[in-house]
């Protein structure tokens, strides 16, 4: 990977890890590539020292136990040093010894920030899902390299503009309540989703098209036309 870029991901439960080889003074021949076998994440969980950590993740602050080790995952990263970060919820004893095993090529960032970084992936994945299914990025049918390179970034920029517009001009405390009324299975919904934001923008654009520059009260026909257009925009 280029300089300044690191990778953080979930570690496979059957990954076999090794210690970093250290040269033996006075020993000739080719240096060893890998050190002694450390085992799987479950083996590490039984031998590493666990420490208390405060982690900010999924919109809340949690107290967890973390254990970390710099080692080699030779089968995947060869001789490149990586860090394994194990996470265990406080007050629990999982069968494997941990609840989450992470791997990162970042050798310097504190473990609690590595855990928060991994948790932040969820909002990124949701943004990509919204871009493909709602904004329309997934419907692109491009044939040239330049069009492929432009379409997805343009769609993501458009999505960002929608969120910014909603934040500054479109938000209403009634939107989440209206959404719960239309979809009662969202019992705990308290904040608008991206779909709510783009529907509100569509309704605003439709109203501006039908009522642009008019100050008098709308006629029944105009009201019906706007309502039908709103319903189509929300479908």
Protein backbone atom coordinates (compact mmCIF):
# COMPACT_ATOMS: atom_id res chain seq x y z
CA UNK A 1 0.00 0.00 0.00
CA UNK A 2 1.14 3.60 -0.56
CA UNK A 3 2.87 5.46 2.26
CA UNK A 4 0.46 6.96 4.76
CA UNK A 5 -2.29 4.40 4.09
CA UNK A 6 -3.06 1.60 6.54
CA UNK A 7 -5.54 -1.26 6.54
CA UNK A 8 -7.77 -2.24 9.46
CA UNK A 9 -10.04 -5.25 9.18
CA UNK A 10 -11.45 -8.21 11.02
CA UNK A 11 -9.05 -11.11 11.60
CA UNK A 12 -10.04 -14.62 10.58
CA UNK A 13 -10.64 -16.96 13.50
CA UNK A 14 -8.37 -19.60 11.95
CA UNK A 15 -5.50 -17.24 11.12
CA UNK A 16 -2.15 -18.64 12.24
CA UNK A 17 0.13 -15.96 13.66
CA UNK A 18 3.87 -15.99 14.30
CA UNK A 19 6.28 -13.91 16.31
CA UNK A 20 8.67 -11.59 14.51
CA UNK A 21 11.97 -13.33 13.91
CA UNK A 22 15.01 -11.99 15.74
CA UNK A 23 18.55 -12.58 14.47
CA UNK A 24 20.72 -15.00 16.41
CA UNK A 25 24.14 -13.45 17.11
CA UNK A 26 27.00 -15.42 15.61
CA UNK A 27 24.74 -17.68 13.57
CA UNK A 28 25.54 -17.80 9.88
CA UNK A 29 23.32 -18.54 6.94
CA UNK A 30 20.08 -16.99 5.81
CA UNK A 31 18.15 -15.18 8.57
CA UNK A 32 14.84 -16.69 9.61
CA UNK A 33 11.75 -15.16 8.03
CA UNK A 34 9.36 -15.89 10.88
CA UNK A 35 9.62 -16.50 14.58
CA UNK A 36 7.90 -19.09 16.77
CA UNK A 37 4.28 -19.99 16.13
CA UNK A 38 1.86 -18.02 18.32
CA UNK A 39 -1.33 -19.71 17.14
CA UNK A 40 -4.81 -18.46 16.42
CA UNK A 41 -6.59 -15.43 17.93
CA UNK A 42 -8.08 -17.76 20.56
CA UNK A 43 -4.56 -18.85 21.55
CA UNK A 44 -3.50 -15.21 21.86
CA UNK A 45 -6.55 -14.41 23.99
CA UNK A 46 -5.42 -16.99 26.53
CA UNK A 47 -1.87 -15.64 26.81
CA UNK A 48 -1.99 -11.86 26.28
CA UNK A 49 -2.52 -9.28 29.00
CA UNK A 50 -5.91 -7.58 28.96
CA UNK A 51 -6.32 -3.92 29.87
CA UNK A 52 -9.36 -1.72 30.43
CA UNK A 53 -10.14 0.78 27.67
CA UNK A 54 -12.79 3.37 26.90
CA UNK A 55 -14.03 3.05 23.32
CA UNK A 56 -16.29 5.41 21.39
CA UNK A 57 -18.31 3.33 18.91
CA UNK A 58 -21.78 3.21 17.32
CA UNK A 59 -22.76 6.50 18.92
CA UNK A 60 -21.97 5.47 22.50
CA UNK A 61 -19.03 5.18 24.88
CA UNK A 62 -18.26 1.67 26.17
CA UNK A 63 -15.84 0.16 28.65
CA UNK A 64 -14.13 -2.88 27.13
CA UNK A 65 -11.05 -5.03 27.61
CA UNK A 66 -8.39 -4.98 24.90
CA UNK A 67 -5.24 -6.98 24.25
CA UNK A 68 -2.78 -6.33 21.46
CA UNK A 69 0.35 -7.77 19.93
CA UNK A 70 2.65 -6.90 17.04
CA UNK A 71 3.42 -10.05 15.09
CA UNK A 72 3.35 -11.67 11.64
CA UNK A 73 0.50 -13.16 9.64
CA UNK A 74 2.94 -14.70 7.23
CA UNK A 75 0.40 -16.49 5.06
CA UNK A 76 -1.18 -13.15 4.08
CA UNK A 77 1.25 -10.30 4.76
CA UNK A 78 4.50 -12.27 4.54
CA UNK A 79 7.24 -10.52 6.55
CA UNK A 80 5.35 -7.27 7.09
CA UNK A 81 4.66 -6.59 10.77
CA UNK A 82 0.98 -6.26 11.72
CA UNK A 83 -0.91 -5.66 14.95
CA UNK A 84 -3.60 -7.88 16.34
CA UNK A 85 -6.13 -6.14 18.59
CA UNK A 86 -8.52 -8.35 20.57
CA UNK A 87 -11.66 -6.91 22.17
CA UNK A 88 -13.74 -8.42 24.94
CA UNK A 89 -16.81 -6.91 26.54
CA UNK A 90 -16.29 -6.18 30.23
CA UNK A 91 -17.73 -8.71 32.66
CA UNK A 92 -18.01 -11.52 30.11
CA UNK A 93 -16.06 -14.70 29.35
CA UNK A 94 -16.69 -15.71 25.72
CA UNK A 95 -15.84 -19.24 24.68
CA UNK A 96 -13.13 -18.08 22.27
CA UNK A 97 -11.71 -15.69 24.86
CA UNK A 98 -12.62 -12.59 22.84
CA UNK A 99 -15.56 -11.04 21.02
CA UNK A 100 -13.72 -9.26 18.22
CA UNK A 101 -10.31 -9.80 16.65
CA UNK A 102 -8.90 -7.02 14.49
CA UNK A 103 -5.82 -6.80 12.32
CA UNK A 104 -4.20 -3.54 11.30
CA UNK A 105 -1.06 -2.43 9.51
CA UNK A 106 -1.13 0.71 11.69
CA UNK A 107 1.56 0.04 14.28
CA UNK A 108 1.27 3.30 16.21
CA UNK A 109 -2.37 4.37 16.79
CA UNK A 110 -3.69 3.40 20.27
CA UNK A 111 -5.80 0.26 20.41
CA UNK A 112 -8.98 2.06 21.51
CA UNK A 113 -8.83 4.27 18.40
CA UNK A 114 -8.28 1.21 16.21
CA UNK A 115 -11.49 -0.31 17.61
CA UNK A 116 -13.35 2.98 17.02
CA UNK A 117 -11.97 3.11 13.47
CA UNK A 118 -13.30 -0.35 12.72
CA UNK A 119 -16.72 0.52 14.17
CA UNK A 120 -16.85 3.62 11.93
CA UNK A 121 -16.95 1.37 8.88
CA UNK A 122 -20.70 0.87 9.43
CA UNK A 123 -21.62 4.45 8.53
CA UNK A 124 -19.39 4.20 5.44
CA UNK A 125 -21.10 1.01 4.31
CA UNK A 126 -24.52 2.57 4.85
CA UNK A 127 -23.47 5.59 2.78
CA UNK A 128 -22.39 3.31 -0.08
CA UNK A 129 -25.64 1.36 0.16
CA UNK A 130 -27.65 4.61 0.01
CA UNK A 131 -25.59 5.79 -2.95
CA UNK A 132 -26.28 2.61 -4.90
CA UNK A 133 -29.91 2.06 -4.00
CA UNK A 134 -31.28 5.60 -3.54
CA UNK A 135 -29.01 8.18 -5.17
CA UNK A 136 -28.70 6.04 -8.28
CA UNK A 137 -24.98 5.30 -8.41
CA UNK A 138 -25.74 1.60 -8.76
CA UNK A 139 -27.78 2.24 -11.91
CA UNK A 140 -24.89 3.71 -13.88
CA UNK A 141 -24.17 1.99 -17.19
CA UNK A 142 -20.84 3.37 -18.37
CA UNK A 143 -18.61 2.11 -21.15
CA UNK A 144 -15.58 4.40 -21.15
CA UNK A 145 -12.90 4.63 -18.48
CA UNK A 146 -13.40 8.36 -17.94
CA UNK A 147 -17.16 7.93 -17.45
CA UNK A 148 -16.59 5.18 -14.89
CA UNK A 149 -14.11 7.36 -13.03
CA UNK A 150 -16.55 10.30 -12.93
CA UNK A 151 -19.98 8.79 -12.32
CA UNK A 152 -19.50 7.33 -8.85
CA UNK A 153 -17.65 10.38 -7.40
CA UNK A 154 -20.32 12.66 -8.89
CA UNK A 155 -23.06 10.56 -7.29
CA UNK A 156 -21.33 10.68 -3.90
CA UNK A 157 -20.88 14.46 -4.20
CA UNK A 158 -24.58 14.77 -5.01
CA UNK A 159 -25.41 12.69 -1.95
CA UNK A 160 -23.26 14.95 0.22
CA UNK A 161 -25.07 18.03 -1.13
CA UNK A 162 -28.43 16.45 -0.22
CA UNK A 163 -27.27 15.86 3.36
CA UNK A 164 -25.89 19.40 3.65
CA UNK A 165 -29.10 20.92 2.27
CA UNK A 166 -31.21 18.91 4.67
CA UNK A 167 -29.02 19.85 7.64
CA UNK A 168 -29.29 23.58 6.94
CA UNK A 169 -32.73 23.95 5.36
CA UNK A 170 -34.85 20.80 5.37
CA UNK A 171 -34.83 19.31 8.85
CA UNK A 172 -38.03 19.12 10.83
CA UNK A 173 -38.74 17.28 14.08
CA UNK A 174 -41.91 15.89 12.47
CA UNK A 175 -40.08 13.94 9.75
CA UNK A 176 -39.07 11.00 11.94
CA UNK A 177 -42.56 10.85 13.47
CA UNK A 178 -44.16 10.87 10.01
CA UNK A 179 -41.85 8.07 8.93
CA UNK A 180 -42.80 5.97 11.97
CA UNK A 181 -46.46 6.52 11.14
CA UNK A 182 -45.92 5.32 7.56
CA UNK A 183 -43.68 2.42 8.60
CA UNK A 184 -44.74 1.39 12.12
CA UNK A 185 -42.08 -1.34 12.27
CA UNK A 186 -39.51 1.45 12.83
CA UNK A 187 -40.54 1.77 16.48
CA UNK A 188 -37.23 3.22 17.71
CA UNK A 189 -36.58 5.58 14.80
CA UNK A 190 -35.67 9.02 16.19
CA UNK A 191 -33.44 10.47 13.44
CA UNK A 192 -34.03 10.86 9.70
CA UNK A 193 -32.33 8.50 7.29
CA UNK A 194 -30.89 9.53 3.95
CA UNK A 195 -34.11 8.38 2.26
CA UNK A 196 -36.08 10.85 4.40
CA UNK A 197 -33.67 13.61 3.42
CA UNK A 198 -33.87 13.05 -0.32
CA UNK A 199 -37.67 12.68 -0.19
CA UNK A 200 -37.90 16.03 1.59
CA UNK A 201 -35.67 17.61 -1.05
CA UNK A 202 -37.76 16.16 -3.87
CA UNK A 203 -40.92 17.54 -2.30
CA UNK A 204 -39.33 20.96 -1.93
CA UNK A 205 -38.22 20.97 -5.56
CA UNK A 206 -41.68 19.85 -6.71
CA UNK A 207 -43.39 22.55 -4.66
CA UNK A 208 -41.03 25.16 -6.09
CA UNK A 209 -41.81 24.00 -9.62
CA UNK A 210 -45.56 24.21 -9.12
CA UNK A 211 -45.63 27.25 -6.85
CA UNK A 212 -42.53 29.17 -7.89
CA UNK A 213 -43.08 32.94 -7.63
CA UNK A 214 -46.71 32.64 -6.48
CA UNK A 215 -47.72 34.27 -3.20
CA UNK A 216 -51.45 33.62 -3.26
CA UNK A 217 -52.92 30.53 -1.61
CA UNK A 218 -52.77 27.48 -3.90
CA UNK A 219 -55.89 26.38 -5.70
CA UNK A 220 -57.35 22.91 -4.96
CA UNK A 221 -56.01 21.72 -8.30
CA UNK A 222 -52.49 22.93 -7.49
CA UNK A 223 -52.64 21.32 -4.05
CA UNK A 224 -53.72 18.00 -5.57
CA UNK A 225 -50.98 18.14 -8.19
CA UNK A 226 -48.33 18.78 -5.55
CA UNK A 227 -49.63 16.00 -3.32
CA UNK A 228 -49.62 13.51 -6.18
CA UNK A 229 -46.09 14.54 -7.12
CA UNK A 230 -44.97 14.21 -3.50
CA UNK A 231 -46.42 10.71 -3.28
CA UNK A 232 -44.60 9.74 -6.47
CA UNK A 233 -41.33 11.17 -5.14
CA UNK A 234 -41.63 9.18 -1.92
CA UNK A 235 -42.45 5.90 -3.66
